[in-house]
Amino acid sequence: MEFLDSVPAKAAQKIVWTLSLLEELDSLPSSYFKKLVNTDDIWEVRASWGSDAFRIFCFFAGSSIVVLTNGLVKKTQKTAPKDIARAEAYKRQYLARRKTDE
């Protein structure tokens, strides 16, 4: 994921650790994984390192597959609608390709 290459190495390690929790545990507290309201079933993986907060948007494809879409360094309280729209667009593209492959 290009986003991981764009953040400091220690921050990337923390993000990967948080993603591994998602893979290993049945449920995560909302401090790590949260469904975004008023979206097309988009979730965010939440990680922080030092004073920086990181978000990776994702969605479920089936019951056990989580597809990561895009990430950002959170600088404001509210997530920019364009970042959520990007995740929703990636989801639509993914589902369209998957439907074509069937």
N, C-alpha and C. Protein backbone atom coordinates (compact mmCIF):
# COMPACT_ATOMS: atom_id res chain seq x y z
N MET A 1 0.85 -1.17 0.00
CA MET A 1 0.00 0.00 0.00
C MET A 1 0.90 1.24 0.00
N GLU A 2 0.68 2.11 -0.96
CA GLU A 2 1.49 3.32 -1.09
C GLU A 2 1.45 4.18 0.16
N PHE A 3 0.32 4.20 0.83
CA PHE A 3 0.18 5.04 2.01
C PHE A 3 1.22 4.67 3.07
N LEU A 4 1.44 3.39 3.29
CA LEU A 4 2.42 2.97 4.30
C LEU A 4 3.82 3.44 3.96
N ASP A 5 4.13 3.51 2.68
CA ASP A 5 5.44 3.99 2.26
C ASP A 5 5.61 5.49 2.50
N SER A 6 4.51 6.20 2.67
CA SER A 6 4.57 7.66 2.81
C SER A 6 4.68 8.14 4.26
N VAL A 7 4.54 7.22 5.22
CA VAL A 7 4.60 7.61 6.63
C VAL A 7 5.92 7.14 7.24
N PRO A 8 6.34 7.73 8.37
CA PRO A 8 7.57 7.28 9.03
C PRO A 8 7.52 5.79 9.36
N ALA A 9 8.68 5.16 9.38
CA ALA A 9 8.76 3.71 9.59
C ALA A 9 8.07 3.26 10.87
N LYS A 10 8.26 3.97 11.96
CA LYS A 10 7.64 3.59 13.24
C LYS A 10 6.12 3.70 13.16
N ALA A 11 5.63 4.71 12.47
CA ALA A 11 4.19 4.85 12.29
C ALA A 11 3.65 3.71 11.43
N ALA A 12 4.38 3.35 10.38
CA ALA A 12 3.97 2.23 9.53
C ALA A 12 3.91 0.94 10.33
N GLN A 13 4.87 0.74 11.23
CA GLN A 13 4.85 -0.46 12.08
C GLN A 13 3.61 -0.48 12.95
N LYS A 14 3.23 0.66 13.50
CA LYS A 14 2.04 0.74 14.35
C LYS A 14 0.79 0.46 13.53
N ILE A 15 0.73 0.97 12.31
CA ILE A 15 -0.42 0.72 11.44
C ILE A 15 -0.52 -0.76 11.11
N VAL A 16 0.60 -1.37 10.77
CA VAL A 16 0.62 -2.80 10.45
C VAL A 16 0.20 -3.62 11.68
N TRP A 17 0.66 -3.22 12.86
CA TRP A 17 0.27 -3.91 14.10
C TRP A 17 -1.25 -3.83 14.28
N THR A 18 -1.82 -2.65 14.05
CA THR A 18 -3.26 -2.48 14.18
C THR A 18 -4.00 -3.33 13.16
N LEU A 19 -3.50 -3.39 11.93
CA LEU A 19 -4.12 -4.25 10.91
C LEU A 19 -4.03 -5.71 11.31
N SER A 20 -2.94 -6.11 11.96
CA SER A 20 -2.82 -7.51 12.39
C SER A 20 -3.85 -7.84 13.46
N LEU A 21 -4.19 -6.87 14.31
CA LEU A 21 -5.26 -7.10 15.30
C LEU A 21 -6.57 -7.39 14.60
N LEU A 22 -6.83 -6.66 13.54
CA LEU A 22 -8.05 -6.86 12.76
C LEU A 22 -8.11 -8.28 12.22
N GLU A 23 -6.97 -8.80 11.81
CA GLU A 23 -6.91 -10.15 11.27
C GLU A 23 -7.04 -11.21 12.36
N GLU A 24 -6.47 -10.96 13.52
CA GLU A 24 -6.37 -11.98 14.56
C GLU A 24 -7.55 -12.03 15.53
N LEU A 25 -8.19 -10.91 15.78
CA LEU A 25 -9.24 -10.85 16.80
C LEU A 25 -10.63 -10.84 16.18
N ASP A 26 -11.60 -11.37 16.93
CA ASP A 26 -12.98 -11.39 16.45
C ASP A 26 -13.61 -10.00 16.45
N SER A 27 -13.24 -9.18 17.41
CA SER A 27 -13.76 -7.81 17.45
C SER A 27 -12.70 -6.89 18.02
N LEU A 28 -12.79 -5.64 17.61
CA LEU A 28 -11.83 -4.62 18.06
C LEU A 28 -12.59 -3.46 18.68
N PRO A 29 -11.99 -2.80 19.67
CA PRO A 29 -12.63 -1.60 20.20
C PRO A 29 -12.67 -0.50 19.14
N SER A 30 -13.62 0.41 19.28
CA SER A 30 -13.77 1.47 18.28
C SER A 30 -12.56 2.40 18.24
N SER A 31 -11.70 2.33 19.23
CA SER A 31 -10.48 3.14 19.16
C SER A 31 -9.54 2.64 18.07
N TYR A 32 -9.75 1.40 17.60
CA TYR A 32 -8.93 0.83 16.52
C TYR A 32 -9.68 0.62 15.21
N PHE A 33 -10.99 0.36 15.31
CA PHE A 33 -11.75 -0.02 14.12
C PHE A 33 -13.18 0.48 14.28
N LYS A 34 -13.63 1.30 13.35
CA LYS A 34 -14.92 1.95 13.51
C LYS A 34 -15.64 2.08 12.18
N LYS A 35 -16.95 1.79 12.20
CA LYS A 35 -17.78 1.98 11.01
C LYS A 35 -18.11 3.46 10.89
N LEU A 36 -17.95 4.00 9.70
CA LEU A 36 -18.25 5.41 9.48
C LEU A 36 -19.73 5.58 9.17
N VAL A 37 -20.38 6.48 9.86
CA VAL A 37 -21.81 6.71 9.64
C VAL A 37 -22.02 7.46 8.33
N ASN A 38 -23.19 7.27 7.78
CA ASN A 38 -23.59 7.94 6.52
C ASN A 38 -22.64 7.65 5.37
N THR A 39 -22.15 6.40 5.32
CA THR A 39 -21.30 5.97 4.21
C THR A 39 -21.86 4.68 3.63
N ASP A 40 -21.28 4.25 2.54
CA ASP A 40 -21.66 2.98 1.91
C ASP A 40 -20.90 1.84 2.59
N ASP A 41 -21.14 1.67 3.89
CA ASP A 41 -20.53 0.60 4.69
C ASP A 41 -19.00 0.66 4.66
N ILE A 42 -18.47 1.87 4.83
CA ILE A 42 -17.03 2.08 4.90
C ILE A 42 -16.61 2.09 6.37
N TRP A 43 -15.50 1.46 6.65
CA TRP A 43 -14.93 1.39 7.99
C TRP A 43 -13.59 2.09 7.98
N GLU A 44 -13.10 2.46 9.18
CA GLU A 44 -11.76 3.02 9.26
C GLU A 44 -10.95 2.28 10.31
N VAL A 45 -9.73 1.96 9.93
CA VAL A 45 -8.74 1.42 10.86
C VAL A 45 -8.02 2.64 11.42
N ARG A 46 -7.93 2.69 12.75
CA ARG A 46 -7.38 3.87 13.41
C ARG A 46 -6.09 3.51 14.12
N ALA A 47 -5.06 4.29 13.87
CA ALA A 47 -3.78 4.09 14.54
C ALA A 47 -3.18 5.46 14.85
N SER A 48 -2.40 5.51 15.90
CA SER A 48 -1.71 6.76 16.20
C SER A 48 -0.28 6.47 16.61
N TRP A 49 0.57 7.43 16.31
CA TRP A 49 1.98 7.34 16.66
C TRP A 49 2.42 8.74 17.05
N GLY A 50 2.85 8.89 18.29
CA GLY A 50 3.19 10.22 18.77
C GLY A 50 1.95 11.09 18.75
N SER A 51 2.04 12.24 18.16
CA SER A 51 0.88 13.14 18.09
C SER A 51 0.12 12.99 16.78
N ASP A 52 0.53 12.06 15.93
CA ASP A 52 -0.12 11.87 14.63
C ASP A 52 -1.17 10.77 14.69
N ALA A 53 -2.29 11.01 14.03
CA ALA A 53 -3.36 10.02 13.91
C ALA A 53 -3.45 9.59 12.45
N PHE A 54 -3.56 8.30 12.24
CA PHE A 54 -3.62 7.73 10.89
C PHE A 54 -4.93 6.99 10.72
N ARG A 55 -5.48 7.06 9.52
CA ARG A 55 -6.71 6.36 9.19
C ARG A 55 -6.52 5.62 7.88
N ILE A 56 -6.98 4.38 7.87
CA ILE A 56 -7.03 3.60 6.63
C ILE A 56 -8.48 3.18 6.44
N PHE A 57 -9.04 3.53 5.31
CA PHE A 57 -10.43 3.19 5.03
C PHE A 57 -10.49 1.81 4.39
N CYS A 58 -11.60 1.12 4.66
CA CYS A 58 -11.75 -0.24 4.17
C CYS A 58 -13.22 -0.62 4.12
N PHE A 59 -13.48 -1.81 3.59
CA PHE A 59 -14.83 -2.35 3.56
C PHE A 59 -14.74 -3.87 3.58
N PHE A 60 -15.85 -4.51 3.90
CA PHE A 60 -15.91 -5.96 3.91
C PHE A 60 -16.36 -6.46 2.55
N ALA A 61 -15.67 -7.47 2.05
CA ALA A 61 -16.07 -8.17 0.83
C ALA A 61 -16.36 -9.60 1.26
N GLY A 62 -17.59 -9.88 1.60
CA GLY A 62 -17.92 -11.16 2.20
C GLY A 62 -17.78 -11.05 3.71
N SER A 63 -17.79 -12.20 4.37
CA SER A 63 -17.78 -12.19 5.83
C SER A 63 -16.38 -12.10 6.44
N SER A 64 -15.35 -12.45 5.67
CA SER A 64 -14.03 -12.50 6.29
C SER A 64 -12.94 -11.76 5.52
N ILE A 65 -13.29 -11.08 4.45
CA ILE A 65 -12.28 -10.35 3.67
C ILE A 65 -12.48 -8.85 3.90
N VAL A 66 -11.41 -8.19 4.31
CA VAL A 66 -11.43 -6.74 4.48
C VAL A 66 -10.53 -6.15 3.40
N VAL A 67 -11.09 -5.28 2.58
CA VAL A 67 -10.35 -4.65 1.48
C VAL A 67 -9.96 -3.24 1.91
N LEU A 68 -8.65 -2.97 1.93
CA LEU A 68 -8.15 -1.64 2.28
C LEU A 68 -8.21 -0.76 1.04
N THR A 69 -8.65 0.48 1.21
CA THR A 69 -8.80 1.36 0.05
C THR A 69 -7.77 2.48 0.02
N ASN A 70 -7.80 3.36 0.99
CA ASN A 70 -6.91 4.52 1.02
C ASN A 70 -6.65 4.93 2.46
N GLY A 71 -5.59 5.68 2.65
CA GLY A 71 -5.23 6.11 3.99
C GLY A 71 -4.89 7.58 4.03
N LEU A 72 -4.82 8.11 5.25
CA LEU A 72 -4.47 9.51 5.42
C LEU A 72 -3.90 9.76 6.81
N VAL A 73 -3.20 10.86 6.92
CA VAL A 73 -2.79 11.37 8.22
C VAL A 73 -3.87 12.35 8.62
N LYS A 74 -4.50 12.08 9.75
CA LYS A 74 -5.64 12.89 10.18
C LYS A 74 -5.14 14.19 10.79
N LYS A 75 -5.57 15.30 10.22
CA LYS A 75 -5.10 16.60 10.70
C LYS A 75 -6.22 17.43 11.32
N THR A 76 -7.47 17.05 11.06
CA THR A 76 -8.60 17.79 11.61
C THR A 76 -9.54 16.82 12.30
N GLN A 77 -10.47 17.36 13.06
CA GLN A 77 -11.43 16.53 13.80
C GLN A 77 -12.32 15.74 12.84
N LYS A 78 -12.76 16.38 11.78
CA LYS A 78 -13.70 15.75 10.85
C LYS A 78 -12.96 15.22 9.62
N THR A 79 -13.33 14.03 9.21
CA THR A 79 -12.74 13.44 8.01
C THR A 79 -13.31 14.13 6.77
N ALA A 80 -12.44 14.46 5.85
CA ALA A 80 -12.87 15.15 4.63
C ALA A 80 -13.77 14.24 3.79
N PRO A 81 -14.90 14.76 3.33
CA PRO A 81 -15.81 13.96 2.50
C PRO A 81 -15.12 13.36 1.27
N LYS A 82 -14.14 14.07 0.69
CA LYS A 82 -13.47 13.54 -0.51
C LYS A 82 -12.71 12.25 -0.20
N ASP A 83 -12.19 12.10 1.02
CA ASP A 83 -11.48 10.88 1.39
C ASP A 83 -12.45 9.70 1.53
N ILE A 84 -13.61 9.97 2.09
CA ILE A 84 -14.63 8.92 2.20
C ILE A 84 -15.17 8.58 0.81
N ALA A 85 -15.39 9.60 -0.01
CA ALA A 85 -15.87 9.36 -1.38
C ALA A 85 -14.88 8.51 -2.17
N ARG A 86 -13.60 8.73 -1.96
CA ARG A 86 -12.58 7.92 -2.64
C ARG A 86 -12.70 6.45 -2.21
N ALA A 87 -12.88 6.21 -0.93
CA ALA A 87 -13.04 4.84 -0.44
C ALA A 87 -14.30 4.20 -1.04
N GLU A 88 -15.38 4.95 -1.10
CA GLU A 88 -16.62 4.42 -1.68
C GLU A 88 -16.45 4.12 -3.17
N ALA A 89 -15.71 4.96 -3.88
CA ALA A 89 -15.45 4.72 -5.31
C ALA A 89 -14.62 3.46 -5.50
N TYR A 90 -13.59 3.28 -4.67
CA TYR A 90 -12.79 2.05 -4.74
C TYR A 90 -13.66 0.83 -4.47
N LYS A 91 -14.58 0.95 -3.52
CA LYS A 91 -15.47 -0.17 -3.21
C LYS A 91 -16.34 -0.52 -4.42
N ARG A 92 -16.94 0.49 -5.04
CA ARG A 92 -17.78 0.23 -6.22
C ARG A 92 -16.97 -0.42 -7.34
N GLN A 93 -15.76 0.08 -7.57
CA GLN A 93 -14.90 -0.49 -8.62
C GLN A 93 -14.56 -1.95 -8.30
N TYR A 94 -14.21 -2.21 -7.05
CA TYR A 94 -13.85 -3.57 -6.64
C TYR A 94 -15.03 -4.52 -6.85
N LEU A 95 -16.20 -4.11 -6.38
CA LEU A 95 -17.37 -4.98 -6.50
C LEU A 95 -17.77 -5.19 -7.96
N ALA A 96 -17.61 -4.17 -8.80
CA ALA A 96 -17.92 -4.31 -10.23
C ALA A 96 -16.95 -5.30 -10.88
N ARG A 97 -15.67 -5.20 -10.56
CA ARG A 97 -14.68 -6.15 -11.12
C ARG A 97 -14.96 -7.56 -10.64
N ARG A 98 -15.29 -7.69 -9.38
CA ARG A 98 -15.57 -9.01 -8.82
C ARG A 98 -16.80 -9.64 -9.48
N LYS A 99 -17.81 -8.83 -9.74
CA LYS A 99 -19.02 -9.32 -10.39
C LYS A 99 -18.71 -9.77 -11.82
N THR A 100 -17.85 -9.04 -12.51
CA THR A 100 -17.45 -9.38 -13.88
C THR A 100 -16.68 -10.69 -13.92
N ASP A 101 -15.88 -10.95 -12.88
CA ASP A 101 -15.06 -12.16 -12.83
C ASP A 101 -15.86 -13.42 -12.54
N GLU A 102 -17.08 -13.26 -12.04
CA GLU A 102 -17.87 -14.45 -11.66
C GLU A 102 -18.45 -15.15 -12.86
